[in-house]
């Protein structure tokens, strides 16, 4: 990552675009071991991508918790599940 990218908060280093595209698959353990290792290595050296990872991980936890605690309109839950490609309510169906 360039010095300018580090100071501006922009994530522009080598591997950043690919890492950011794969974050959800990484969080859901849906990548090969090699791909997971590559992303983990990138996150270890890129504070901007690590910040994005932390945000995505926390957001997924909050959404999953809220889906289990509170009743919500079925169409809203379906939209959220499709957006994250995750079965938050545990019914075996996404969407």
PDB file of N, CA and C in Angstrom:
ATOM      1  N   UNK A   1       0.852  -1.170   0.000  1.00  0.00           N
ATOM      2  CA  UNK A   1       0.000   0.000   0.000  1.00  0.00           C
ATOM      3  C   UNK A   1       0.888   1.219   0.000  1.00  0.00           C
ATOM      4  N   UNK A   2       0.505   2.233  -0.734  1.00  0.00           N
ATOM      5  CA  UNK A   2       1.317   3.437  -0.820  1.00  0.00           C
ATOM      6  C   UNK A   2       1.176   4.262   0.442  1.00  0.00           C
ATOM      7  N   UNK A   3       2.174   5.129   0.678  1.00  0.00           N
ATOM      8  CA  UNK A   3       2.127   6.008   1.841  1.00  0.00           C
ATOM      9  C   UNK A   3       0.886   6.883   1.785  1.00  0.00           C
ATOM     10  N   UNK A   4       0.532   7.364   0.592  1.00  0.00           N
ATOM     11  CA  UNK A   4      -0.650   8.201   0.438  1.00  0.00           C
ATOM     12  C   UNK A   4      -1.911   7.433   0.803  1.00  0.00           C
ATOM     13  N   UNK A   5      -2.019   6.170   0.400  1.00  0.00           N
ATOM     14  CA  UNK A   5      -3.195   5.373   0.728  1.00  0.00           C
ATOM     15  C   UNK A   5      -3.296   5.168   2.230  1.00  0.00           C
ATOM     16  N   UNK A   6      -2.146   4.983   2.899  1.00  0.00           N
ATOM     17  CA  UNK A   6      -2.168   4.786   4.338  1.00  0.00           C
ATOM     18  C   UNK A   6      -2.659   6.029   5.061  1.00  0.00           C
ATOM     19  N   UNK A   7      -2.238   7.188   4.623  1.00  0.00           N
ATOM     20  CA  UNK A   7      -2.612   8.414   5.322  1.00  0.00           C
ATOM     21  C   UNK A   7      -3.999   8.890   4.956  1.00  0.00           C
ATOM     22  N   UNK A   8      -4.470   8.575   3.775  1.00  0.00           N
ATOM     23  CA  UNK A   8      -5.790   9.050   3.364  1.00  0.00           C
ATOM     24  C   UNK A   8      -6.907   8.118   3.810  1.00  0.00           C
ATOM     25  N   UNK A   9      -6.568   6.901   4.238  1.00  0.00           N
ATOM     26  CA  UNK A   9      -7.583   5.943   4.639  1.00  0.00           C
ATOM     27  C   UNK A   9      -8.142   5.152   3.470  1.00  0.00           C
ATOM     28  N   UNK A  10      -7.641   5.405   2.264  1.00  0.00           N
ATOM     29  CA  UNK A  10      -8.111   4.686   1.083  1.00  0.00           C
ATOM     30  C   UNK A  10      -7.417   3.336   1.007  1.00  0.00           C
ATOM     31  N   UNK A  11      -8.133   2.348   0.578  1.00  0.00           N
ATOM     32  CA  UNK A  11      -7.568   1.007   0.456  1.00  0.00           C
ATOM     33  C   UNK A  11      -7.281   0.769  -1.022  1.00  0.00           C
ATOM     34  N   UNK A  12      -6.014   0.919  -1.393  1.00  0.00           N
ATOM     35  CA  UNK A  12      -5.651   0.841  -2.802  1.00  0.00           C
ATOM     36  C   UNK A  12      -4.470  -0.067  -3.064  1.00  0.00           C
ATOM     37  N   UNK A  13      -3.988  -0.759  -2.057  1.00  0.00           N
ATOM     38  CA  UNK A  13      -2.793  -1.574  -2.207  1.00  0.00           C
ATOM     39  C   UNK A  13      -3.034  -2.811  -3.036  1.00  0.00           C
ATOM     40  N   UNK A  14      -1.939  -3.513  -3.352  1.00  0.00           N
ATOM     41  CA  UNK A  14      -2.083  -4.758  -4.112  1.00  0.00           C
ATOM     42  C   UNK A  14      -2.898  -5.770  -3.319  1.00  0.00           C
ATOM     43  N   UNK A  15      -3.876  -6.340  -3.960  1.00  0.00           N
ATOM     44  CA  UNK A  15      -4.713  -7.334  -3.304  1.00  0.00           C
ATOM     45  C   UNK A  15      -5.920  -6.784  -2.575  1.00  0.00           C
ATOM     46  N   UNK A  16      -6.012  -5.468  -2.422  1.00  0.00           N
ATOM     47  CA  UNK A  16      -7.127  -4.884  -1.667  1.00  0.00           C
ATOM     48  C   UNK A  16      -8.476  -5.142  -2.346  1.00  0.00           C
ATOM     49  N   UNK A  17      -8.552  -4.908  -3.628  1.00  0.00           N
ATOM     50  CA  UNK A  17      -9.832  -5.071  -4.336  1.00  0.00           C
ATOM     51  C   UNK A  17     -10.338  -6.511  -4.221  1.00  0.00           C
ATOM     52  N   UNK A  18      -9.454  -7.469  -4.440  1.00  0.00           N
ATOM     53  CA  UNK A  18      -9.843  -8.880  -4.357  1.00  0.00           C
ATOM     54  C   UNK A  18     -10.234  -9.252  -2.931  1.00  0.00           C
ATOM     55  N   UNK A  19      -9.466  -8.764  -1.971  1.00  0.00           N
ATOM     56  CA  UNK A  19      -9.765  -9.056  -0.563  1.00  0.00           C
ATOM     57  C   UNK A  19     -11.137  -8.530  -0.187  1.00  0.00           C
ATOM     58  N   UNK A  20     -11.430  -7.307  -0.568  1.00  0.00           N
ATOM     59  CA  UNK A  20     -12.720  -6.711  -0.223  1.00  0.00           C
ATOM     60  C   UNK A  20     -13.882  -7.440  -0.894  1.00  0.00           C
ATOM     61  N   UNK A  21     -13.663  -7.923  -2.121  1.00  0.00           N
ATOM     62  CA  UNK A  21     -14.715  -8.671  -2.816  1.00  0.00           C
ATOM     63  C   UNK A  21     -15.007 -10.003  -2.141  1.00  0.00           C
ATOM     64  N   UNK A  22     -14.005 -10.592  -1.507  1.00  0.00           N
ATOM     65  CA  UNK A  22     -14.143 -11.927  -0.929  1.00  0.00           C
ATOM     66  C   UNK A  22     -14.456 -11.935   0.570  1.00  0.00           C
ATOM     67  N   UNK A  23     -14.640 -10.767   1.200  1.00  0.00           N
ATOM     68  CA  UNK A  23     -14.815 -10.724   2.649  1.00  0.00           C
ATOM     69  C   UNK A  23     -15.984 -11.563   3.147  1.00  0.00           C
ATOM     70  N   UNK A  24     -17.119 -11.481   2.499  1.00  0.00           N
ATOM     71  CA  UNK A  24     -18.277 -12.250   2.972  1.00  0.00           C
ATOM     72  C   UNK A  24     -18.026 -13.749   2.872  1.00  0.00           C
ATOM     73  N   UNK A  25     -17.421 -14.184   1.769  1.00  0.00           N
ATOM     74  CA  UNK A  25     -17.094 -15.611   1.632  1.00  0.00           C
ATOM     75  C   UNK A  25     -16.069 -16.022   2.681  1.00  0.00           C
ATOM     76  N   UNK A  26     -15.120 -15.140   2.966  1.00  0.00           N
ATOM     77  CA  UNK A  26     -14.117 -15.405   4.002  1.00  0.00           C
ATOM     78  C   UNK A  26     -14.791 -15.545   5.360  1.00  0.00           C
ATOM     79  N   UNK A  27     -15.687 -14.617   5.687  1.00  0.00           N
ATOM     80  CA  UNK A  27     -16.387 -14.660   6.977  1.00  0.00           C
ATOM     81  C   UNK A  27     -17.243 -15.905   7.126  1.00  0.00           C
ATOM     82  N   UNK A  28     -17.796 -16.388   6.034  1.00  0.00           N
ATOM     83  CA  UNK A  28     -18.663 -17.562   6.063  1.00  0.00           C
ATOM     84  C   UNK A  28     -17.885 -18.868   5.871  1.00  0.00           C
ATOM     85  N   UNK A  29     -16.566 -18.793   5.834  1.00  0.00           N
ATOM     86  CA  UNK A  29     -15.699 -19.969   5.642  1.00  0.00           C
ATOM     87  C   UNK A  29     -16.047 -20.735   4.374  1.00  0.00           C
ATOM     88  N   UNK A  30     -16.312 -20.007   3.304  1.00  0.00           N
ATOM     89  CA  UNK A  30     -16.700 -20.623   2.044  1.00  0.00           C
ATOM     90  C   UNK A  30     -15.594 -20.550   0.992  1.00  0.00           C
ATOM     91  N   UNK A  31     -14.361 -20.282   1.428  1.00  0.00           N
ATOM     92  CA  UNK A  31     -13.227 -20.226   0.509  1.00  0.00           C
ATOM     93  C   UNK A  31     -12.318 -21.427   0.746  1.00  0.00           C
ATOM     94  N   UNK A  32     -11.517 -21.727  -0.254  1.00  0.00           N
ATOM     95  CA  UNK A  32     -10.522 -22.789  -0.090  1.00  0.00           C
ATOM     96  C   UNK A  32      -9.513 -22.358   0.970  1.00  0.00           C
ATOM     97  N   UNK A  33      -8.785 -23.332   1.489  1.00  0.00           N
ATOM     98  CA  UNK A  33      -7.768 -23.027   2.494  1.00  0.00           C
ATOM     99  C   UNK A  33      -6.734 -22.043   1.953  1.00  0.00           C
ATOM    100  N   UNK A  34      -6.352 -22.227   0.704  1.00  0.00           N
ATOM    101  CA  UNK A  34      -5.370 -21.335   0.087  1.00  0.00           C
ATOM    102  C   UNK A  34      -5.880 -19.912  -0.031  1.00  0.00           C
ATOM    103  N   UNK A  35      -7.134 -19.763  -0.461  1.00  0.00           N
ATOM    104  CA  UNK A  35      -7.721 -18.428  -0.593  1.00  0.00           C
ATOM    105  C   UNK A  35      -7.870 -17.776   0.779  1.00  0.00           C
ATOM    106  N   UNK A  36      -8.280 -18.552   1.769  1.00  0.00           N
ATOM    107  CA  UNK A  36      -8.399 -18.023   3.140  1.00  0.00           C
ATOM    108  C   UNK A  36      -7.040 -17.562   3.651  1.00  0.00           C
ATOM    109  N   UNK A  37      -6.007 -18.336   3.389  1.00  0.00           N
ATOM    110  CA  UNK A  37      -4.664 -17.982   3.847  1.00  0.00           C
ATOM    111  C   UNK A  37      -4.182 -16.699   3.148  1.00  0.00           C
ATOM    112  N   UNK A  38      -4.454 -16.565   1.864  1.00  0.00           N
ATOM    113  CA  UNK A  38      -4.063 -15.365   1.124  1.00  0.00           C
ATOM    114  C   UNK A  38      -4.755 -14.133   1.693  1.00  0.00           C
ATOM    115  N   UNK A  39      -6.048 -14.247   1.952  1.00  0.00           N
ATOM    116  CA  UNK A  39      -6.791 -13.108   2.495  1.00  0.00           C
ATOM    117  C   UNK A  39      -6.324 -12.802   3.912  1.00  0.00           C
ATOM    118  N   UNK A  40      -6.129 -13.822   4.735  1.00  0.00           N
ATOM    119  CA  UNK A  40      -5.648 -13.605   6.109  1.00  0.00           C
ATOM    120  C   UNK A  40      -4.301 -12.880   6.081  1.00  0.00           C
ATOM    121  N   UNK A  41      -3.412 -13.303   5.194  1.00  0.00           N
ATOM    122  CA  UNK A  41      -2.104 -12.666   5.071  1.00  0.00           C
ATOM    123  C   UNK A  41      -2.270 -11.192   4.678  1.00  0.00           C
ATOM    124  N   UNK A  42      -3.162 -10.927   3.736  1.00  0.00           N
ATOM    125  CA  UNK A  42      -3.401  -9.543   3.317  1.00  0.00           C
ATOM    126  C   UNK A  42      -3.963  -8.725   4.476  1.00  0.00           C
ATOM    127  N   UNK A  43      -4.940  -9.272   5.197  1.00  0.00           N
ATOM    128  CA  UNK A  43      -5.540  -8.550   6.323  1.00  0.00           C
ATOM    129  C   UNK A  43      -4.505  -8.249   7.405  1.00  0.00           C
ATOM    130  N   UNK A  44      -3.574  -9.161   7.616  1.00  0.00           N
ATOM    131  CA  UNK A  44      -2.532  -8.950   8.624  1.00  0.00           C
ATOM    132  C   UNK A  44      -1.644  -7.754   8.294  1.00  0.00           C
ATOM    133  N   UNK A  45      -1.530  -7.415   7.002  1.00  0.00           N
ATOM    134  CA  UNK A  45      -0.650  -6.325   6.606  1.00  0.00           C
ATOM    135  C   UNK A  45      -1.355  -5.082   6.100  1.00  0.00           C
ATOM    136  N   UNK A  46      -2.677  -5.074   6.100  1.00  0.00           N
ATOM    137  CA  UNK A  46      -3.412  -3.934   5.535  1.00  0.00           C
ATOM    138  C   UNK A  46      -4.464  -3.450   6.526  1.00  0.00           C
ATOM    139  N   UNK A  47      -4.179  -2.387   7.262  1.00  0.00           N
ATOM    140  CA  UNK A  47      -5.131  -1.911   8.261  1.00  0.00           C
ATOM    141  C   UNK A  47      -6.471  -1.463   7.665  1.00  0.00           C
ATOM    142  N   UNK A  48      -6.453  -0.965   6.427  1.00  0.00           N
ATOM    143  CA  UNK A  48      -7.712  -0.533   5.809  1.00  0.00           C
ATOM    144  C   UNK A  48      -8.638  -1.722   5.542  1.00  0.00           C
ATOM    145  N   UNK A  49      -8.086  -2.784   4.976  1.00  0.00           N
ATOM    146  CA  UNK A  49      -8.898  -3.977   4.716  1.00  0.00           C
ATOM    147  C   UNK A  49      -9.298  -4.653   6.022  1.00  0.00           C
ATOM    148  N   UNK A  50      -8.413  -4.638   6.999  1.00  0.00           N
ATOM    149  CA  UNK A  50      -8.748  -5.214   8.301  1.00  0.00           C
ATOM    150  C   UNK A  50      -9.906  -4.453   8.929  1.00  0.00           C
ATOM    151  N   UNK A  51      -9.928  -3.139   8.785  1.00  0.00           N
ATOM    152  CA  UNK A  51     -11.046  -2.340   9.287  1.00  0.00           C
ATOM    153  C   UNK A  51     -12.351  -2.705   8.595  1.00  0.00           C
ATOM    154  N   UNK A  52     -12.287  -2.910   7.267  1.00  0.00           N
ATOM    155  CA  UNK A  52     -13.478  -3.324   6.518  1.00  0.00           C
ATOM    156  C   UNK A  52     -13.930  -4.703   6.978  1.00  0.00           C
ATOM    157  N   UNK A  53     -12.974  -5.604   7.200  1.00  0.00           N
ATOM    158  CA  UNK A  53     -13.286  -6.944   7.698  1.00  0.00           C
ATOM    159  C   UNK A  53     -13.987  -6.860   9.051  1.00  0.00           C
ATOM    160  N   UNK A  54     -13.435  -6.077   9.963  1.00  0.00           N
ATOM    161  CA  UNK A  54     -14.042  -5.929  11.292  1.00  0.00           C
ATOM    162  C   UNK A  54     -15.465  -5.397  11.195  1.00  0.00           C
ATOM    163  N   UNK A  55     -15.684  -4.425  10.316  1.00  0.00           N
ATOM    164  CA  UNK A  55     -17.018  -3.854  10.133  1.00  0.00           C
ATOM    165  C   UNK A  55     -17.988  -4.915   9.623  1.00  0.00           C
ATOM    166  N   UNK A  56     -17.591  -5.653   8.598  1.00  0.00           N
ATOM    167  CA  UNK A  56     -18.464  -6.689   8.041  1.00  0.00           C
ATOM    168  C   UNK A  56     -18.780  -7.768   9.069  1.00  0.00           C
ATOM    169  N   UNK A  57     -17.765  -8.179   9.817  1.00  0.00           N
ATOM    170  CA  UNK A  57     -17.969  -9.221  10.824  1.00  0.00           C
ATOM    171  C   UNK A  57     -18.943  -8.744  11.894  1.00  0.00           C
ATOM    172  N   UNK A  58     -18.770  -7.531  12.379  1.00  0.00           N
ATOM    173  CA  UNK A  58     -19.657  -6.992  13.416  1.00  0.00           C
ATOM    174  C   UNK A  58     -21.078  -6.819  12.882  1.00  0.00           C
ATOM    175  N   UNK A  59     -21.197  -6.325  11.650  1.00  0.00           N
ATOM    176  CA  UNK A  59     -22.516  -6.144  11.047  1.00  0.00           C
ATOM    177  C   UNK A  59     -23.256  -7.468  10.922  1.00  0.00           C
ATOM    178  N   UNK A  60     -22.565  -8.511  10.486  1.00  0.00           N
ATOM    179  CA  UNK A  60     -23.201  -9.829  10.378  1.00  0.00           C
ATOM    180  C   UNK A  60     -23.677 -10.327  11.733  1.00  0.00           C
ATOM    181  N   UNK A  61     -22.861 -10.125  12.770  1.00  0.00           N
ATOM    182  CA  UNK A  61     -23.253 -10.545  14.118  1.00  0.00           C
ATOM    183  C   UNK A  61     -24.482  -9.789  14.607  1.00  0.00           C
ATOM    184  N   UNK A  62     -24.516  -8.489  14.381  1.00  0.00           N
ATOM    185  CA  UNK A  62     -25.645  -7.673  14.828  1.00  0.00           C
ATOM    186  C   UNK A  62     -26.921  -8.089  14.102  1.00  0.00           C
ATOM    187  N   UNK A  63     -26.834  -8.263  12.791  1.00  0.00           N
ATOM    188  CA  UNK A  63     -28.011  -8.652  12.018  1.00  0.00           C
ATOM    189  C   UNK A  63     -28.507 -10.027  12.471  1.00  0.00           C
ATOM    190  N   UNK A  64     -27.590 -10.985  12.645  1.00  0.00           N
ATOM    191  CA  UNK A  64     -27.994 -12.329  13.086  1.00  0.00           C
ATOM    192  C   UNK A  64     -28.659 -12.274  14.457  1.00  0.00           C
ATOM    193  N   UNK A  65     -28.102 -11.497  15.366  1.00  0.00           N
ATOM    194  CA  UNK A  65     -28.673 -11.380  16.712  1.00  0.00           C
ATOM    195  C   UNK A  65     -30.062 -10.755  16.656  1.00  0.00           C
ATOM    196  N   UNK A  66     -30.207  -9.688  15.909  1.00  0.00           N
ATOM    197  CA  UNK A  66     -31.502  -9.010  15.806  1.00  0.00           C
ATOM    198  C   UNK A  66     -32.546  -9.904  15.142  1.00  0.00           C
ATOM    199  N   UNK A  67     -32.120 -10.699  14.180  1.00  0.00           N
ATOM    200  CA  UNK A  67     -33.062 -11.610  13.514  1.00  0.00           C
ATOM    201  C   UNK A  67     -33.571 -12.674  14.470  1.00  0.00           C
ATOM    202  N   UNK A  68     -32.768 -13.050  15.445  1.00  0.00           N
ATOM    203  CA  UNK A  68     -33.182 -14.073  16.397  1.00  0.00           C
ATOM    204  C   UNK A  68     -34.000 -13.488  17.548  1.00  0.00           C
ATOM    205  N   UNK A  69     -33.757 -12.241  17.899  1.00  0.00           N
ATOM    206  CA  UNK A  69     -34.411 -11.622  19.052  1.00  0.00           C
ATOM    207  C   UNK A  69     -35.750 -10.983  18.727  1.00  0.00           C
ATOM    208  N   UNK A  70     -35.847 -10.368  17.584  1.00  0.00           N
ATOM    209  CA  UNK A  70     -37.014  -9.557  17.263  1.00  0.00           C
ATOM    210  C   UNK A  70     -37.770 -10.112  16.064  1.00  0.00           C
ATOM    211  N   UNK A  71     -39.071 -10.031  16.140  1.00  0.00           N
ATOM    212  CA  UNK A  71     -39.905 -10.406  15.001  1.00  0.00           C
ATOM    213  C   UNK A  71     -39.839  -9.272  13.982  1.00  0.00           C
ATOM    214  N   UNK A  72     -39.666  -9.607  12.737  1.00  0.00           N
ATOM    215  CA  UNK A  72     -39.639  -8.586  11.691  1.00  0.00           C
ATOM    216  C   UNK A  72     -40.470  -9.070  10.516  1.00  0.00           C
ATOM    217  N   UNK A  73     -40.863  -8.151   9.678  1.00  0.00           N
ATOM    218  CA  UNK A  73     -41.626  -8.556   8.493  1.00  0.00           C
ATOM    219  C   UNK A  73     -40.830  -9.574   7.665  1.00  0.00           C
ATOM    220  N   UNK A  74     -41.502 -10.595   7.200  1.00  0.00           N
ATOM    221  CA  UNK A  74     -40.841 -11.674   6.459  1.00  0.00           C
ATOM    222  C   UNK A  74     -40.113 -11.153   5.228  1.00  0.00           C
ATOM    223  N   UNK A  75     -40.691 -10.180   4.549  1.00  0.00           N
ATOM    224  CA  UNK A  75     -40.031  -9.680   3.347  1.00  0.00           C
ATOM    225  C   UNK A  75     -38.735  -8.939   3.684  1.00  0.00           C
ATOM    226  N   UNK A  76     -38.664  -8.290   4.841  1.00  0.00           N
ATOM    227  CA  UNK A  76     -37.432  -7.619   5.242  1.00  0.00           C
ATOM    228  C   UNK A  76     -36.346  -8.647   5.545  1.00  0.00           C
ATOM    229  N   UNK A  77     -36.691  -9.686   6.292  1.00  0.00           N
ATOM    230  CA  UNK A  77     -35.721 -10.730   6.595  1.00  0.00           C
ATOM    231  C   UNK A  77     -35.226 -11.389   5.306  1.00  0.00           C
ATOM    232  N   UNK A  78     -36.118 -11.644   4.371  1.00  0.00           N
ATOM    233  CA  UNK A  78     -35.724 -12.246   3.093  1.00  0.00           C
ATOM    234  C   UNK A  78     -34.733 -11.362   2.346  1.00  0.00           C
ATOM    235  N   UNK A  79     -34.978 -10.063   2.332  1.00  0.00           N
ATOM    236  CA  UNK A  79     -34.073  -9.130   1.654  1.00  0.00           C
ATOM    237  C   UNK A  79     -32.706  -9.114   2.326  1.00  0.00           C
ATOM    238  N   UNK A  80     -32.684  -9.123   3.643  1.00  0.00           N
ATOM    239  CA  UNK A  80     -31.416  -9.116   4.379  1.00  0.00           C
ATOM    240  C   UNK A  80     -30.650 -10.409   4.111  1.00  0.00           C
ATOM    241  N   UNK A  81     -31.340 -11.537   4.127  1.00  0.00           N
ATOM    242  CA  UNK A  81     -30.680 -12.818   3.869  1.00  0.00           C
ATOM    243  C   UNK A  81     -30.097 -12.861   2.462  1.00  0.00           C
ATOM    244  N   UNK A  82     -30.826 -12.368   1.472  1.00  0.00           N
ATOM    245  CA  UNK A  82     -30.320 -12.360   0.095  1.00  0.00           C
ATOM    246  C   UNK A  82     -29.125 -11.416  -0.028  1.00  0.00           C
ATOM    247  N   UNK A  83     -29.183 -10.287   0.653  1.00  0.00           N
ATOM    248  CA  UNK A  83     -28.090  -9.315   0.598  1.00  0.00           C
ATOM    249  C   UNK A  83     -26.791  -9.923   1.116  1.00  0.00           C
ATOM    250  N   UNK A  84     -26.865 -10.660   2.223  1.00  0.00           N
ATOM    251  CA  UNK A  84     -25.678 -11.252   2.833  1.00  0.00           C
ATOM    252  C   UNK A  84     -25.449 -12.698   2.410  1.00  0.00           C
ATOM    253  N   UNK A  85     -26.397 -13.244   1.633  1.00  0.00           N
ATOM    254  CA  UNK A  85     -26.326 -14.649   1.224  1.00  0.00           C
ATOM    255  C   UNK A  85     -26.123 -15.554   2.447  1.00  0.00           C
ATOM    256  N   UNK A  86     -26.921 -15.282   3.490  1.00  0.00           N
ATOM    257  CA  UNK A  86     -26.793 -15.986   4.767  1.00  0.00           C
ATOM    258  C   UNK A  86     -28.179 -16.313   5.315  1.00  0.00           C
ATOM    259  N   UNK A  87     -28.322 -17.509   5.867  1.00  0.00           N
ATOM    260  CA  UNK A  87     -29.578 -17.933   6.495  1.00  0.00           C
ATOM    261  C   UNK A  87     -29.574 -17.487   7.961  1.00  0.00           C
ATOM    262  N   UNK A  88     -30.046 -16.276   8.222  1.00  0.00           N
ATOM    263  CA  UNK A  88     -30.011 -15.724   9.573  1.00  0.00           C
ATOM    264  C   UNK A  88     -31.036 -16.350  10.509  1.00  0.00           C
ATOM    265  N   UNK A  89     -32.177 -16.778   9.987  1.00  0.00           N
ATOM    266  CA  UNK A  89     -33.236 -17.289  10.874  1.00  0.00           C
ATOM    267  C   UNK A  89     -33.176 -18.804  11.072  1.00  0.00           C
ATOM    268  N   UNK A  90     -32.239 -19.463  10.427  1.00  0.00           N
ATOM    269  CA  UNK A  90     -32.033 -20.889  10.657  1.00  0.00           C
ATOM    270  C   UNK A  90     -33.071 -21.804  10.053  1.00  0.00           C
ATOM    271  N   UNK A  91     -33.815 -21.306   9.055  1.00  0.00           N
ATOM    272  CA  UNK A  91     -34.847 -22.158   8.447  1.00  0.00           C
ATOM    273  C   UNK A  91     -34.332 -22.960   7.247  1.00  0.00           C
ATOM    274  N   UNK A  92     -33.045 -22.828   6.944  1.00  0.00           N
ATOM    275  CA  UNK A  92     -32.458 -23.579   5.833  1.00  0.00           C
ATOM    276  C   UNK A  92     -32.676 -22.939   4.485  1.00  0.00           C
ATOM    277  N   UNK A  93     -33.268 -21.748   4.452  1.00  0.00           N
ATOM    278  CA  UNK A  93     -33.552 -21.060   3.197  1.00  0.00           C
ATOM    279  C   UNK A  93     -32.975 -19.656   3.261  1.00  0.00           C
ATOM    280  N   UNK A  94     -32.316 -19.250   2.194  1.00  0.00           N
ATOM    281  CA  UNK A  94     -31.850 -17.870   2.086  1.00  0.00           C
ATOM    282  C   UNK A  94     -32.836 -17.113   1.224  1.00  0.00           C
ATOM    283  N   UNK A  95     -33.490 -16.148   1.835  1.00  0.00           N
ATOM    284  CA  UNK A  95     -34.462 -15.340   1.112  1.00  0.00           C
ATOM    285  C   UNK A  95     -35.880 -15.727   1.340  1.00  0.00           C
TER     286      UNK A  95
END
